[in-house]
Amino acid sequence: MAFSELISKKRKELGMTQEQAAKFLHVNRQAVSNWERGKNYPDLDVLIELSQVYDLSLDSLII
């Protein structure tokens, strides 16, 4: 599963909106939207935080 699909699916499973996810990750909603559409990727610090908030391993996010 592609990164964009994985994080979108996991966010929805957790019952979070993009706005809520953005607040947890200290980014704006547009950043979350761009990641979920595959337009770009978060930097390493945010990727680590994303793995914690979404309860996913870093390996699953980068492979």
N, C-alpha and C. Protein backbone atom coordinates (compact mmCIF):
# COMPACT_ATOMS: atom_id res chain seq x y z
N MET A 1 0.85 -1.17 0.00
CA MET A 1 0.00 0.00 0.00
C MET A 1 0.89 1.24 0.00
N ALA A 2 0.57 2.19 -0.79
CA ALA A 2 1.34 3.43 -0.90
C ALA A 2 1.21 4.25 0.39
N PHE A 3 2.21 5.07 0.65
CA PHE A 3 2.23 5.92 1.84
C PHE A 3 0.94 6.73 1.94
N SER A 4 0.56 7.37 0.85
CA SER A 4 -0.63 8.24 0.87
C SER A 4 -1.89 7.45 1.23
N GLU A 5 -2.04 6.27 0.68
CA GLU A 5 -3.20 5.43 0.97
C GLU A 5 -3.18 4.96 2.42
N LEU A 6 -2.00 4.58 2.90
CA LEU A 6 -1.86 4.06 4.25
C LEU A 6 -2.24 5.11 5.29
N ILE A 7 -1.72 6.32 5.15
CA ILE A 7 -2.02 7.32 6.18
C ILE A 7 -3.46 7.80 6.11
N SER A 8 -4.02 7.83 4.92
CA SER A 8 -5.43 8.21 4.78
C SER A 8 -6.32 7.16 5.43
N LYS A 9 -6.05 5.91 5.16
CA LYS A 9 -6.83 4.82 5.71
C LYS A 9 -6.73 4.79 7.23
N LYS A 10 -5.52 4.93 7.75
CA LYS A 10 -5.31 4.88 9.20
C LYS A 10 -6.00 6.06 9.89
N ARG A 11 -5.90 7.24 9.32
CA ARG A 11 -6.56 8.42 9.90
C ARG A 11 -8.07 8.20 9.99
N LYS A 12 -8.64 7.65 8.94
CA LYS A 12 -10.08 7.39 8.92
C LYS A 12 -10.47 6.31 9.93
N GLU A 13 -9.62 5.28 10.06
CA GLU A 13 -9.87 4.22 11.05
C GLU A 13 -9.88 4.79 12.47
N LEU A 14 -9.05 5.79 12.69
CA LEU A 14 -8.99 6.43 14.01
C LEU A 14 -10.10 7.45 14.21
N GLY A 15 -10.90 7.67 13.17
CA GLY A 15 -12.03 8.59 13.26
C GLY A 15 -11.60 10.05 13.32
N MET A 16 -10.48 10.35 12.71
CA MET A 16 -9.95 11.72 12.74
C MET A 16 -10.20 12.43 11.41
N THR A 17 -10.44 13.72 11.50
CA THR A 17 -10.49 14.53 10.30
C THR A 17 -9.06 14.95 9.96
N GLN A 18 -8.88 15.49 8.77
CA GLN A 18 -7.55 16.01 8.42
C GLN A 18 -7.16 17.14 9.35
N GLU A 19 -8.11 17.94 9.74
CA GLU A 19 -7.85 19.06 10.66
C GLU A 19 -7.37 18.55 12.02
N GLN A 20 -8.01 17.51 12.53
CA GLN A 20 -7.60 16.94 13.81
C GLN A 20 -6.20 16.34 13.72
N ALA A 21 -5.94 15.62 12.65
CA ALA A 21 -4.62 15.04 12.46
C ALA A 21 -3.56 16.13 12.38
N ALA A 22 -3.88 17.20 11.69
CA ALA A 22 -2.94 18.31 11.55
C ALA A 22 -2.60 18.91 12.91
N LYS A 23 -3.59 19.05 13.77
CA LYS A 23 -3.35 19.60 15.11
C LYS A 23 -2.43 18.70 15.92
N PHE A 24 -2.65 17.39 15.87
CA PHE A 24 -1.79 16.44 16.57
C PHE A 24 -0.35 16.52 16.06
N LEU A 25 -0.20 16.76 14.76
CA LEU A 25 1.11 16.74 14.13
C LEU A 25 1.76 18.12 14.04
N HIS A 26 1.05 19.14 14.50
CA HIS A 26 1.56 20.52 14.50
C HIS A 26 1.88 21.02 13.09
N VAL A 27 0.98 20.70 12.17
CA VAL A 27 1.08 21.17 10.79
C VAL A 27 -0.29 21.71 10.40
N ASN A 28 -0.40 22.28 9.21
CA ASN A 28 -1.73 22.73 8.78
C ASN A 28 -2.46 21.60 8.03
N ARG A 29 -3.76 21.77 7.88
CA ARG A 29 -4.57 20.74 7.24
C ARG A 29 -4.13 20.49 5.80
N GLN A 30 -3.67 21.53 5.14
CA GLN A 30 -3.22 21.40 3.76
C GLN A 30 -2.06 20.42 3.65
N ALA A 31 -1.16 20.42 4.64
CA ALA A 31 -0.03 19.48 4.62
C ALA A 31 -0.54 18.04 4.67
N VAL A 32 -1.49 17.77 5.54
CA VAL A 32 -2.06 16.42 5.65
C VAL A 32 -2.73 16.05 4.33
N SER A 33 -3.47 16.96 3.76
CA SER A 33 -4.14 16.72 2.49
C SER A 33 -3.12 16.40 1.39
N ASN A 34 -2.05 17.16 1.33
CA ASN A 34 -1.00 16.91 0.32
C ASN A 34 -0.36 15.55 0.49
N TRP A 35 -0.11 15.13 1.72
CA TRP A 35 0.48 13.80 1.95
C TRP A 35 -0.49 12.72 1.48
N GLU A 36 -1.77 12.89 1.82
CA GLU A 36 -2.76 11.86 1.47
C GLU A 36 -3.05 11.82 -0.03
N ARG A 37 -2.75 12.88 -0.74
CA ARG A 37 -2.91 12.89 -2.20
C ARG A 37 -1.62 12.53 -2.91
N GLY A 38 -0.55 12.29 -2.15
CA GLY A 38 0.72 11.90 -2.75
C GLY A 38 1.48 13.05 -3.38
N LYS A 39 1.13 14.29 -3.04
CA LYS A 39 1.82 15.44 -3.62
C LYS A 39 3.19 15.67 -3.02
N ASN A 40 3.34 15.36 -1.74
CA ASN A 40 4.64 15.46 -1.08
C ASN A 40 4.64 14.60 0.17
N TYR A 41 5.74 14.62 0.89
CA TYR A 41 5.91 13.79 2.07
C TYR A 41 6.33 14.64 3.26
N PRO A 42 6.00 14.19 4.47
CA PRO A 42 6.42 14.95 5.65
C PRO A 42 7.93 14.83 5.87
N ASP A 43 8.49 15.81 6.59
CA ASP A 43 9.90 15.70 6.93
C ASP A 43 10.07 14.65 8.03
N LEU A 44 11.29 14.32 8.34
CA LEU A 44 11.57 13.20 9.24
C LEU A 44 10.97 13.40 10.63
N ASP A 45 11.05 14.60 11.17
CA ASP A 45 10.49 14.85 12.50
C ASP A 45 8.98 14.60 12.52
N VAL A 46 8.30 15.06 11.51
CA VAL A 46 6.85 14.86 11.43
C VAL A 46 6.53 13.40 11.15
N LEU A 47 7.35 12.73 10.37
CA LEU A 47 7.14 11.32 10.08
C LEU A 47 7.20 10.49 11.36
N ILE A 48 8.14 10.82 12.23
CA ILE A 48 8.24 10.12 13.51
C ILE A 48 7.00 10.36 14.35
N GLU A 49 6.56 11.60 14.40
CA GLU A 49 5.35 11.95 15.14
C GLU A 49 4.13 11.26 14.54
N LEU A 50 4.07 11.21 13.22
CA LEU A 50 2.97 10.55 12.52
C LEU A 50 2.91 9.07 12.90
N SER A 51 4.05 8.43 12.97
CA SER A 51 4.07 7.01 13.33
C SER A 51 3.53 6.79 14.75
N GLN A 52 3.80 7.74 15.64
CA GLN A 52 3.31 7.62 17.02
C GLN A 52 1.81 7.90 17.10
N VAL A 53 1.35 8.95 16.46
CA VAL A 53 -0.07 9.31 16.50
C VAL A 53 -0.92 8.23 15.85
N TYR A 54 -0.47 7.70 14.73
CA TYR A 54 -1.23 6.69 13.98
C TYR A 54 -0.92 5.27 14.42
N ASP A 55 -0.02 5.11 15.39
CA ASP A 55 0.39 3.79 15.89
C ASP A 55 0.84 2.87 14.75
N LEU A 56 1.74 3.40 13.94
CA LEU A 56 2.33 2.65 12.83
C LEU A 56 3.85 2.66 13.00
N SER A 57 4.50 1.61 12.56
CA SER A 57 5.96 1.59 12.62
C SER A 57 6.52 2.49 11.53
N LEU A 58 7.70 3.02 11.79
CA LEU A 58 8.36 3.82 10.77
C LEU A 58 8.60 2.98 9.52
N ASP A 59 8.94 1.71 9.71
CA ASP A 59 9.16 0.82 8.57
C ASP A 59 7.94 0.78 7.66
N SER A 60 6.77 0.67 8.24
CA SER A 60 5.56 0.58 7.41
C SER A 60 5.29 1.88 6.66
N LEU A 61 5.78 3.00 7.20
CA LEU A 61 5.56 4.27 6.55
C LEU A 61 6.54 4.55 5.42
N ILE A 62 7.75 4.04 5.54
CA ILE A 62 8.75 4.38 4.53
C ILE A 62 8.98 3.29 3.49
N ILE A 63 8.38 2.15 3.66
CA ILE A 63 8.57 1.07 2.67
C ILE A 63 7.38 1.03 1.74
